[in-house]
Amino acid sequence: MAVQKIYVDYDFNKNQILNAKLHPVSTTERTTLASTLNSNDQGLIVYDKDVTIFYVWDGNSFKPIGLTDAQYASIAESYNRSVMSIGITNTTTNRTVKLTYRDNTFISDNFNYAYIHDQSTPASSWTITHNLNKYPSVTIVDTASSEIIGEVVYNNTNTLTLNFSASFSGKAFLN
């Protein structure tokens, strides 16, 4: 394969290239051309029309100059998906975390970090299903908001039983 011609318009008064066109080659042609080149051909530039990018011969192999369309698209996607803001909202028992990307899309996740059990019927044993998927700390108060001490039995990571010496009603705060 012969090296393609370069077409150039040159302004000798300004020592400036006005217009240049490298004859495009396919990836197969560029690969074939590489097998005929050596270190004396360093600096040779070709335009690969299959991947729409320029390549320069460094004396040993063709190296890309710039980015392919796919690489540019990947960088643009990464840029658009960079996080621009993080929002956290809380209620008494829930927390929502929201990540907003540069392109205004977002993801969010809501999770329970606490549970409030309201025991309206007096009892000396309260079984509480909290679904926190952990062994939470427990604070117990009666209807007058006085703290009560009781026995905490963790049945599993989502259920516990509180045992007291007397029956009463109140609230259990789990977190």
N, C-alpha and C. Protein backbone atom coordinates (compact mmCIF):
# COMPACT_ATOMS: atom_id res chain seq x y z
N MET A 1 0.84 -1.18 0.00
CA MET A 1 0.00 0.00 0.00
C MET A 1 0.89 1.23 0.00
N ALA A 2 0.59 2.17 -0.83
CA ALA A 2 1.36 3.42 -0.90
C ALA A 2 0.82 4.40 0.12
N VAL A 3 1.72 5.23 0.66
CA VAL A 3 1.30 6.27 1.59
C VAL A 3 0.49 7.29 0.81
N GLN A 4 -0.67 7.68 1.34
CA GLN A 4 -1.55 8.60 0.66
C GLN A 4 -0.97 10.01 0.66
N LYS A 5 -1.36 10.80 -0.31
CA LYS A 5 -0.89 12.17 -0.43
C LYS A 5 -1.58 13.06 0.58
N ILE A 6 -0.88 14.12 0.94
CA ILE A 6 -1.44 15.14 1.80
C ILE A 6 -1.71 16.36 0.92
N TYR A 7 -2.92 16.90 1.00
CA TYR A 7 -3.27 18.08 0.24
C TYR A 7 -3.22 19.28 1.18
N VAL A 8 -2.47 20.32 0.80
CA VAL A 8 -2.26 21.45 1.71
C VAL A 8 -2.36 22.76 0.93
N ASP A 9 -3.03 23.74 1.52
CA ASP A 9 -2.95 25.13 1.06
C ASP A 9 -2.06 25.85 2.06
N TYR A 10 -1.01 26.49 1.58
CA TYR A 10 -0.02 27.09 2.47
C TYR A 10 0.15 28.55 2.11
N ASP A 11 0.14 29.42 3.10
CA ASP A 11 0.39 30.85 2.90
C ASP A 11 1.85 31.11 3.25
N PHE A 12 2.69 31.24 2.23
CA PHE A 12 4.12 31.43 2.45
C PHE A 12 4.43 32.80 3.07
N ASN A 13 3.57 33.81 2.81
CA ASN A 13 3.80 35.14 3.39
C ASN A 13 3.63 35.13 4.91
N LYS A 14 2.67 34.33 5.40
CA LYS A 14 2.41 34.26 6.84
C LYS A 14 3.00 33.00 7.47
N ASN A 15 3.65 32.16 6.64
CA ASN A 15 4.19 30.88 7.11
C ASN A 15 3.11 30.10 7.88
N GLN A 16 1.99 29.87 7.21
CA GLN A 16 0.82 29.32 7.87
C GLN A 16 0.11 28.32 6.95
N ILE A 17 -0.34 27.20 7.55
CA ILE A 17 -1.15 26.24 6.81
C ILE A 17 -2.59 26.74 6.85
N LEU A 18 -3.20 26.90 5.69
CA LEU A 18 -4.57 27.39 5.61
C LEU A 18 -5.58 26.26 5.57
N ASN A 19 -5.21 25.19 4.91
CA ASN A 19 -6.14 24.09 4.77
C ASN A 19 -5.32 22.83 4.49
N ALA A 20 -5.59 21.78 5.22
CA ALA A 20 -4.86 20.53 4.98
C ALA A 20 -5.85 19.38 5.04
N LYS A 21 -5.63 18.39 4.20
CA LYS A 21 -6.47 17.21 4.22
C LYS A 21 -5.58 15.98 4.07
N LEU A 22 -5.68 15.09 5.04
CA LEU A 22 -5.00 13.81 4.94
C LEU A 22 -5.98 12.84 4.32
N HIS A 23 -5.50 12.08 3.38
CA HIS A 23 -6.37 11.10 2.75
C HIS A 23 -6.77 10.06 3.79
N PRO A 24 -8.07 9.85 4.03
CA PRO A 24 -8.50 8.90 5.05
C PRO A 24 -8.16 7.46 4.68
N VAL A 25 -7.86 6.68 5.72
CA VAL A 25 -7.57 5.26 5.55
C VAL A 25 -8.48 4.47 6.48
N SER A 26 -8.68 3.21 6.17
CA SER A 26 -9.44 2.33 7.05
C SER A 26 -8.51 1.79 8.13
N THR A 27 -9.07 1.20 9.15
CA THR A 27 -8.25 0.59 10.20
C THR A 27 -7.37 -0.51 9.60
N THR A 28 -7.92 -1.28 8.69
CA THR A 28 -7.14 -2.34 8.03
C THR A 28 -5.97 -1.74 7.25
N GLU A 29 -6.23 -0.66 6.52
CA GLU A 29 -5.15 -0.01 5.77
C GLU A 29 -4.08 0.56 6.70
N ARG A 30 -4.51 1.15 7.82
CA ARG A 30 -3.55 1.70 8.80
C ARG A 30 -2.70 0.59 9.38
N THR A 31 -3.29 -0.55 9.69
CA THR A 31 -2.57 -1.70 10.24
C THR A 31 -1.57 -2.24 9.21
N THR A 32 -2.00 -2.32 7.98
CA THR A 32 -1.11 -2.79 6.91
C THR A 32 0.04 -1.81 6.71
N LEU A 33 -0.27 -0.51 6.74
CA LEU A 33 0.76 0.51 6.59
C LEU A 33 1.79 0.41 7.71
N ALA A 34 1.35 0.15 8.92
CA ALA A 34 2.27 0.06 10.07
C ALA A 34 3.33 -1.02 9.86
N SER A 35 2.96 -2.09 9.17
CA SER A 35 3.93 -3.18 8.95
C SER A 35 5.04 -2.78 7.98
N THR A 36 4.85 -1.66 7.27
CA THR A 36 5.87 -1.21 6.31
C THR A 36 6.71 -0.06 6.84
N LEU A 37 6.36 0.47 8.03
CA LEU A 37 7.04 1.66 8.56
C LEU A 37 8.14 1.30 9.54
N ASN A 38 9.06 2.24 9.74
CA ASN A 38 10.12 2.07 10.74
C ASN A 38 10.35 3.41 11.43
N SER A 39 11.43 3.52 12.21
CA SER A 39 11.69 4.72 12.99
C SER A 39 11.94 5.94 12.10
N ASN A 40 12.35 5.75 10.86
CA ASN A 40 12.56 6.88 9.94
C ASN A 40 11.25 7.55 9.54
N ASP A 41 10.11 6.87 9.76
CA ASP A 41 8.80 7.41 9.38
C ASP A 41 8.11 8.11 10.55
N GLN A 42 8.85 8.32 11.65
CA GLN A 42 8.28 8.96 12.84
C GLN A 42 7.64 10.29 12.46
N GLY A 43 6.44 10.54 12.97
CA GLY A 43 5.72 11.78 12.70
C GLY A 43 4.67 11.66 11.62
N LEU A 44 4.61 10.53 10.93
CA LEU A 44 3.59 10.32 9.89
C LEU A 44 2.22 10.32 10.54
N ILE A 45 1.29 11.08 9.98
CA ILE A 45 -0.07 11.18 10.51
C ILE A 45 -1.05 10.61 9.50
N VAL A 46 -1.99 9.80 10.00
CA VAL A 46 -3.08 9.28 9.16
C VAL A 46 -4.40 9.52 9.88
N TYR A 47 -5.45 9.58 9.09
CA TYR A 47 -6.80 9.70 9.64
C TYR A 47 -7.51 8.38 9.41
N ASP A 48 -7.87 7.71 10.52
CA ASP A 48 -8.57 6.42 10.43
C ASP A 48 -10.06 6.72 10.37
N LYS A 49 -10.65 6.52 9.20
CA LYS A 49 -12.07 6.84 8.99
C LYS A 49 -13.02 5.88 9.69
N ASP A 50 -12.52 4.68 10.05
CA ASP A 50 -13.39 3.70 10.73
C ASP A 50 -13.66 4.10 12.18
N VAL A 51 -12.65 4.65 12.85
CA VAL A 51 -12.82 5.04 14.26
C VAL A 51 -12.83 6.56 14.41
N THR A 52 -12.77 7.28 13.29
CA THR A 52 -12.82 8.75 13.23
C THR A 52 -11.84 9.42 14.18
N ILE A 53 -10.55 9.07 13.99
CA ILE A 53 -9.51 9.68 14.82
C ILE A 53 -8.19 9.69 14.05
N PHE A 54 -7.36 10.68 14.36
CA PHE A 54 -6.02 10.76 13.77
C PHE A 54 -5.07 9.87 14.57
N TYR A 55 -4.08 9.33 13.86
CA TYR A 55 -3.01 8.54 14.49
C TYR A 55 -1.68 9.10 14.01
N VAL A 56 -0.68 9.08 14.89
CA VAL A 56 0.68 9.48 14.52
C VAL A 56 1.60 8.28 14.74
N TRP A 57 2.54 8.10 13.81
CA TRP A 57 3.53 7.03 13.92
C TRP A 57 4.65 7.54 14.81
N ASP A 58 4.91 6.85 15.95
CA ASP A 58 5.94 7.30 16.90
C ASP A 58 7.30 6.66 16.64
N GLY A 59 7.42 5.95 15.55
CA GLY A 59 8.66 5.26 15.22
C GLY A 59 8.53 3.77 15.43
N ASN A 60 7.55 3.35 16.25
CA ASN A 60 7.32 1.93 16.53
C ASN A 60 5.88 1.50 16.24
N SER A 61 4.93 2.39 16.48
CA SER A 61 3.53 2.06 16.29
C SER A 61 2.72 3.33 16.13
N PHE A 62 1.48 3.18 15.66
CA PHE A 62 0.57 4.30 15.57
C PHE A 62 -0.04 4.57 16.94
N LYS A 63 -0.03 5.83 17.35
CA LYS A 63 -0.65 6.25 18.61
C LYS A 63 -1.81 7.19 18.28
N PRO A 64 -2.94 7.03 18.96
CA PRO A 64 -4.08 7.90 18.68
C PRO A 64 -3.80 9.34 19.12
N ILE A 65 -4.32 10.27 18.34
CA ILE A 65 -4.25 11.69 18.69
C ILE A 65 -5.68 12.11 19.04
N GLY A 66 -5.93 12.41 20.27
CA GLY A 66 -7.28 12.81 20.67
C GLY A 66 -8.12 11.61 21.10
N LEU A 67 -9.42 11.79 21.01
CA LEU A 67 -10.37 10.80 21.49
C LEU A 67 -11.25 10.28 20.36
N THR A 68 -11.61 9.02 20.46
CA THR A 68 -12.60 8.49 19.53
C THR A 68 -13.98 8.99 19.96
N ASP A 69 -14.96 8.85 19.09
CA ASP A 69 -16.32 9.26 19.44
C ASP A 69 -16.82 8.50 20.67
N ALA A 70 -16.48 7.22 20.76
CA ALA A 70 -16.91 6.40 21.91
C ALA A 70 -16.25 6.89 23.20
N GLN A 71 -14.96 7.24 23.12
CA GLN A 71 -14.27 7.74 24.31
C GLN A 71 -14.84 9.09 24.73
N TYR A 72 -15.11 9.94 23.77
CA TYR A 72 -15.70 11.24 24.08
C TYR A 72 -17.07 11.05 24.73
N ALA A 73 -17.88 10.17 24.17
CA ALA A 73 -19.21 9.90 24.73
C ALA A 73 -19.10 9.37 26.16
N SER A 74 -18.12 8.52 26.41
CA SER A 74 -17.92 7.98 27.76
C SER A 74 -17.54 9.08 28.74
N ILE A 75 -16.67 9.99 28.32
CA ILE A 75 -16.28 11.11 29.18
C ILE A 75 -17.47 12.04 29.42
N ALA A 76 -18.24 12.31 28.37
CA ALA A 76 -19.42 13.17 28.52
C ALA A 76 -20.42 12.54 29.49
N GLU A 77 -20.62 11.23 29.39
CA GLU A 77 -21.53 10.53 30.31
C GLU A 77 -21.02 10.62 31.74
N SER A 78 -19.73 10.44 31.92
CA SER A 78 -19.14 10.54 33.26
C SER A 78 -19.33 11.94 33.83
N TYR A 79 -19.13 12.94 32.99
CA TYR A 79 -19.31 14.33 33.42
C TYR A 79 -20.76 14.58 33.81
N ASN A 80 -21.70 14.17 32.95
CA ASN A 80 -23.12 14.40 33.22
C ASN A 80 -23.59 13.65 34.45
N ARG A 81 -22.97 12.52 34.75
CA ARG A 81 -23.39 11.71 35.91
C ARG A 81 -22.60 12.04 37.16
N SER A 82 -21.82 13.13 37.16
CA SER A 82 -21.12 13.51 38.37
C SER A 82 -22.13 14.12 39.35
N VAL A 83 -21.93 13.87 40.62
CA VAL A 83 -22.87 14.31 41.65
C VAL A 83 -22.68 15.80 41.90
N MET A 84 -23.78 16.54 41.80
CA MET A 84 -23.75 17.99 42.03
C MET A 84 -24.25 18.37 43.42
N SER A 85 -25.13 17.55 43.98
CA SER A 85 -25.63 17.87 45.32
C SER A 85 -26.05 16.59 46.04
N ILE A 86 -25.96 16.67 47.36
CA ILE A 86 -26.39 15.58 48.22
C ILE A 86 -27.39 16.17 49.19
N GLY A 87 -28.58 15.59 49.22
CA GLY A 87 -29.61 16.05 50.14
C GLY A 87 -29.97 14.96 51.13
N ILE A 88 -30.08 15.35 52.39
CA ILE A 88 -30.47 14.41 53.44
C ILE A 88 -31.65 15.02 54.18
N THR A 89 -32.74 14.27 54.24
CA THR A 89 -33.91 14.71 54.99
C THR A 89 -34.22 13.67 56.06
N ASN A 90 -34.67 14.17 57.20
CA ASN A 90 -34.95 13.30 58.34
C ASN A 90 -36.37 13.49 58.82
N THR A 91 -36.95 12.41 59.31
CA THR A 91 -38.15 12.48 60.12
C THR A 91 -37.77 11.83 61.44
N THR A 92 -38.72 11.58 62.28
CA THR A 92 -38.43 10.97 63.57
C THR A 92 -37.79 9.60 63.44
N THR A 93 -38.18 8.85 62.41
CA THR A 93 -37.70 7.48 62.28
C THR A 93 -37.05 7.15 60.95
N ASN A 94 -37.14 8.04 59.95
CA ASN A 94 -36.64 7.74 58.62
C ASN A 94 -35.60 8.78 58.18
N ARG A 95 -34.76 8.36 57.29
CA ARG A 95 -33.79 9.26 56.67
C ARG A 95 -33.78 8.98 55.18
N THR A 96 -33.79 10.03 54.38
CA THR A 96 -33.71 9.90 52.93
C THR A 96 -32.45 10.61 52.46
N VAL A 97 -31.66 9.90 51.65
CA VAL A 97 -30.46 10.47 51.05
C VAL A 97 -30.71 10.56 49.55
N LYS A 98 -30.50 11.75 48.98
CA LYS A 98 -30.75 11.97 47.56
C LYS A 98 -29.49 12.55 46.92
N LEU A 99 -29.01 11.88 45.86
CA LEU A 99 -27.87 12.35 45.08
C LEU A 99 -28.40 12.88 43.76
N THR A 100 -28.11 14.15 43.45
CA THR A 100 -28.55 14.75 42.20
C THR A 100 -27.34 14.91 41.29
N TYR A 101 -27.48 14.40 40.07
CA TYR A 101 -26.40 14.47 39.10
C TYR A 101 -26.43 15.78 38.32
N ARG A 102 -25.35 16.05 37.61
CA ARG A 102 -25.22 17.26 36.81
C ARG A 102 -26.34 17.37 35.77
N ASP A 103 -26.81 16.24 35.24
CA ASP A 103 -27.87 16.27 34.23
C ASP A 103 -29.27 16.31 34.84
N ASN A 104 -29.35 16.61 36.15
CA ASN A 104 -30.60 16.75 36.91
C ASN A 104 -31.34 15.45 37.16
N THR A 105 -30.78 14.31 36.80
CA THR A 105 -31.35 13.05 37.23
C THR A 105 -30.87 12.80 38.66
N PHE A 106 -31.49 11.89 39.36
CA PHE A 106 -31.09 11.65 40.73
C PHE A 106 -31.40 10.22 41.14
N ILE A 107 -30.77 9.80 42.23
CA ILE A 107 -31.12 8.56 42.90
C ILE A 107 -31.36 8.91 44.35
N SER A 108 -32.20 8.15 45.00
CA SER A 108 -32.44 8.39 46.42
C SER A 108 -32.68 7.06 47.12
N ASP A 109 -32.44 7.07 48.41
CA ASP A 109 -32.67 5.87 49.21
C ASP A 109 -33.26 6.31 50.54
N ASN A 110 -34.27 5.62 50.96
CA ASN A 110 -34.95 5.92 52.21
C ASN A 110 -34.74 4.73 53.16
N PHE A 111 -34.37 5.00 54.39
CA PHE A 111 -34.21 3.90 55.32
C PHE A 111 -34.64 4.30 56.72
N ASN A 112 -35.10 3.31 57.45
CA ASN A 112 -35.48 3.50 58.85
C ASN A 112 -34.23 3.43 59.71
N TYR A 113 -34.03 4.41 60.55
CA TYR A 113 -32.92 4.34 61.48
C TYR A 113 -33.41 4.32 62.92
N ALA A 114 -34.72 4.45 63.10
CA ALA A 114 -35.29 4.39 64.44
C ALA A 114 -36.73 3.88 64.33
N TYR A 115 -37.23 3.45 65.48
CA TYR A 115 -38.61 2.98 65.53
C TYR A 115 -39.18 3.40 66.87
N ILE A 116 -40.41 3.92 66.85
CA ILE A 116 -41.09 4.30 68.09
C ILE A 116 -42.29 3.37 68.26
N HIS A 117 -42.28 2.64 69.37
CA HIS A 117 -43.38 1.72 69.66
C HIS A 117 -44.29 2.37 70.69
N ASP A 118 -45.58 2.44 70.37
CA ASP A 118 -46.57 3.02 71.29
C ASP A 118 -47.37 1.88 71.90
N GLN A 119 -47.15 1.63 73.18
CA GLN A 119 -47.87 0.56 73.90
C GLN A 119 -49.04 1.22 74.63
N SER A 120 -50.22 1.19 73.98
CA SER A 120 -51.39 1.86 74.55
C SER A 120 -52.11 1.02 75.61
N THR A 121 -51.97 -0.30 75.54
CA THR A 121 -52.60 -1.18 76.52
C THR A 121 -51.56 -1.55 77.57
N PRO A 122 -51.84 -1.33 78.87
CA PRO A 122 -50.85 -1.69 79.89
C PRO A 122 -50.50 -3.18 79.83
N ALA A 123 -49.20 -3.46 79.94
CA ALA A 123 -48.73 -4.85 79.91
C ALA A 123 -47.39 -4.90 80.61
N SER A 124 -47.04 -6.07 81.16
CA SER A 124 -45.73 -6.25 81.81
C SER A 124 -44.71 -6.83 80.83
N SER A 125 -45.16 -7.21 79.64
CA SER A 125 -44.27 -7.72 78.61
C SER A 125 -44.71 -7.14 77.26
N TRP A 126 -43.79 -6.46 76.57
CA TRP A 126 -44.10 -5.87 75.26
C TRP A 126 -43.25 -6.59 74.22
N THR A 127 -43.88 -7.14 73.20
CA THR A 127 -43.14 -7.71 72.07
C THR A 127 -43.22 -6.70 70.93
N ILE A 128 -42.05 -6.31 70.45
CA ILE A 128 -41.97 -5.24 69.45
C ILE A 128 -41.30 -5.75 68.17
N THR A 129 -41.99 -5.62 67.06
CA THR A 129 -41.40 -5.90 65.75
C THR A 129 -41.02 -4.55 65.15
N HIS A 130 -39.73 -4.28 65.05
CA HIS A 130 -39.25 -2.96 64.61
C HIS A 130 -38.70 -2.97 63.18
N ASN A 131 -38.30 -4.11 62.65
CA ASN A 131 -37.77 -4.24 61.28
C ASN A 131 -36.60 -3.31 60.97
N LEU A 132 -35.75 -3.05 61.94
CA LEU A 132 -34.56 -2.22 61.72
C LEU A 132 -33.36 -3.04 61.26
N ASN A 133 -33.51 -4.34 61.28
CA ASN A 133 -32.44 -5.26 60.86
C ASN A 133 -31.16 -5.05 61.67
N LYS A 134 -31.33 -4.83 62.98
CA LYS A 134 -30.19 -4.64 63.88
C LYS A 134 -30.69 -4.84 65.32
N TYR A 135 -29.76 -4.81 66.25
CA TYR A 135 -30.08 -4.87 67.67
C TYR A 135 -30.04 -3.44 68.20
N PRO A 136 -31.18 -2.74 68.21
CA PRO A 136 -31.16 -1.32 68.56
C PRO A 136 -31.03 -1.06 70.06
N SER A 137 -30.58 0.14 70.37
CA SER A 137 -30.64 0.58 71.76
C SER A 137 -32.10 0.92 72.07
N VAL A 138 -32.48 0.80 73.33
CA VAL A 138 -33.89 0.95 73.71
C VAL A 138 -34.01 1.91 74.89
N THR A 139 -34.92 2.87 74.76
CA THR A 139 -35.28 3.76 75.86
C THR A 139 -36.78 3.64 76.05
N ILE A 140 -37.23 3.44 77.31
CA ILE A 140 -38.64 3.21 77.60
C ILE A 140 -39.14 4.33 78.51
N VAL A 141 -40.31 4.86 78.19
CA VAL A 141 -40.94 5.87 79.05
C VAL A 141 -42.40 5.48 79.27
N ASP A 142 -42.93 5.89 80.44
CA ASP A 142 -44.35 5.66 80.71
C ASP A 142 -45.15 6.84 80.17
N THR A 143 -46.46 6.86 80.40
CA THR A 143 -47.32 7.91 79.86
C THR A 143 -47.01 9.28 80.45
N ALA A 144 -46.30 9.35 81.57
CA ALA A 144 -45.88 10.62 82.17
C ALA A 144 -44.49 11.03 81.67
N SER A 145 -43.94 10.27 80.71
CA SER A 145 -42.61 10.49 80.13
C SER A 145 -41.47 10.27 81.13
N SER A 146 -41.73 9.46 82.15
CA SER A 146 -40.67 9.07 83.09
C SER A 146 -39.97 7.83 82.52
N GLU A 147 -38.65 7.83 82.59
CA GLU A 147 -37.90 6.70 82.03
C GLU A 147 -38.10 5.47 82.92
N ILE A 148 -38.31 4.33 82.27
CA ILE A 148 -38.54 3.06 82.94
C ILE A 148 -37.41 2.10 82.57
N ILE A 149 -36.94 1.34 83.53
CA ILE A 149 -35.92 0.33 83.28
C ILE A 149 -36.60 -1.03 83.21
N GLY A 150 -36.25 -1.79 82.18
CA GLY A 150 -36.81 -3.12 82.02
C GLY A 150 -35.77 -4.04 81.41
N GLU A 151 -36.15 -5.30 81.30
CA GLU A 151 -35.27 -6.29 80.68
C GLU A 151 -35.51 -6.28 79.17
N VAL A 152 -34.43 -6.17 78.39
CA VAL A 152 -34.52 -6.20 76.93
C VAL A 152 -34.03 -7.56 76.45
N VAL A 153 -34.89 -8.30 75.73
CA VAL A 153 -34.52 -9.58 75.16
C VAL A 153 -34.59 -9.44 73.64
N TYR A 154 -33.43 -9.59 72.98
CA TYR A 154 -33.39 -9.50 71.51
C TYR A 154 -33.74 -10.87 70.94
N ASN A 155 -34.91 -10.98 70.33
CA ASN A 155 -35.34 -12.23 69.73
C ASN A 155 -34.59 -12.50 68.43
N ASN A 156 -34.39 -11.46 67.64
CA ASN A 156 -33.60 -11.49 66.41
C ASN A 156 -33.33 -10.03 66.03
N THR A 157 -32.81 -9.79 64.84
CA THR A 157 -32.46 -8.42 64.45
C THR A 157 -33.67 -7.55 64.12
N ASN A 158 -34.87 -8.12 64.12
CA ASN A 158 -36.07 -7.34 63.82
C ASN A 158 -37.15 -7.38 64.89
N THR A 159 -36.92 -8.15 65.94
CA THR A 159 -37.93 -8.29 67.01
C THR A 159 -37.24 -8.33 68.36
N LEU A 160 -37.88 -7.68 69.36
CA LEU A 160 -37.38 -7.77 70.73
C LEU A 160 -38.56 -7.81 71.68
N THR A 161 -38.29 -8.26 72.91
CA THR A 161 -39.30 -8.31 73.95
C THR A 161 -38.80 -7.53 75.15
N LEU A 162 -39.66 -6.68 75.70
CA LEU A 162 -39.35 -5.92 76.91
C LEU A 162 -40.15 -6.51 78.06
N ASN A 163 -39.48 -6.83 79.17
CA ASN A 163 -40.14 -7.40 80.35
C ASN A 163 -39.99 -6.44 81.52
N PHE A 164 -41.12 -6.23 82.26
CA PHE A 164 -41.14 -5.30 83.40
C PHE A 164 -41.72 -6.00 84.62
N SER A 165 -41.51 -5.41 85.79
CA SER A 165 -42.03 -6.00 87.03
C SER A 165 -43.51 -5.68 87.24
N ALA A 166 -44.05 -4.69 86.50
CA ALA A 166 -45.46 -4.33 86.61
C ALA A 166 -46.00 -3.93 85.24
N SER A 167 -47.29 -3.97 85.09
CA SER A 167 -47.92 -3.56 83.83
C SER A 167 -48.03 -2.06 83.75
N PHE A 168 -47.78 -1.50 82.60
CA PHE A 168 -47.99 -0.07 82.36
C PHE A 168 -48.03 0.14 80.84
N SER A 169 -48.46 1.33 80.46
CA SER A 169 -48.45 1.70 79.04
C SER A 169 -47.44 2.84 78.87
N GLY A 170 -46.99 3.03 77.61
CA GLY A 170 -46.00 4.07 77.35
C GLY A 170 -45.41 3.90 75.97
N LYS A 171 -44.15 4.32 75.84
CA LYS A 171 -43.48 4.24 74.54
C LYS A 171 -42.09 3.65 74.70
N ALA A 172 -41.66 2.98 73.63
CA ALA A 172 -40.27 2.47 73.54
C ALA A 172 -39.64 3.11 72.32
N PHE A 173 -38.48 3.74 72.52
CA PHE A 173 -37.75 4.38 71.45
C PHE A 173 -36.56 3.50 71.09
N LEU A 174 -36.53 3.01 69.87
CA LEU A 174 -35.47 2.12 69.42
C LEU A 174 -34.66 2.81 68.32
N ASN A 175 -33.34 2.78 68.45
CA ASN A 175 -32.49 3.34 67.40
C ASN A 175 -31.14 2.66 67.35
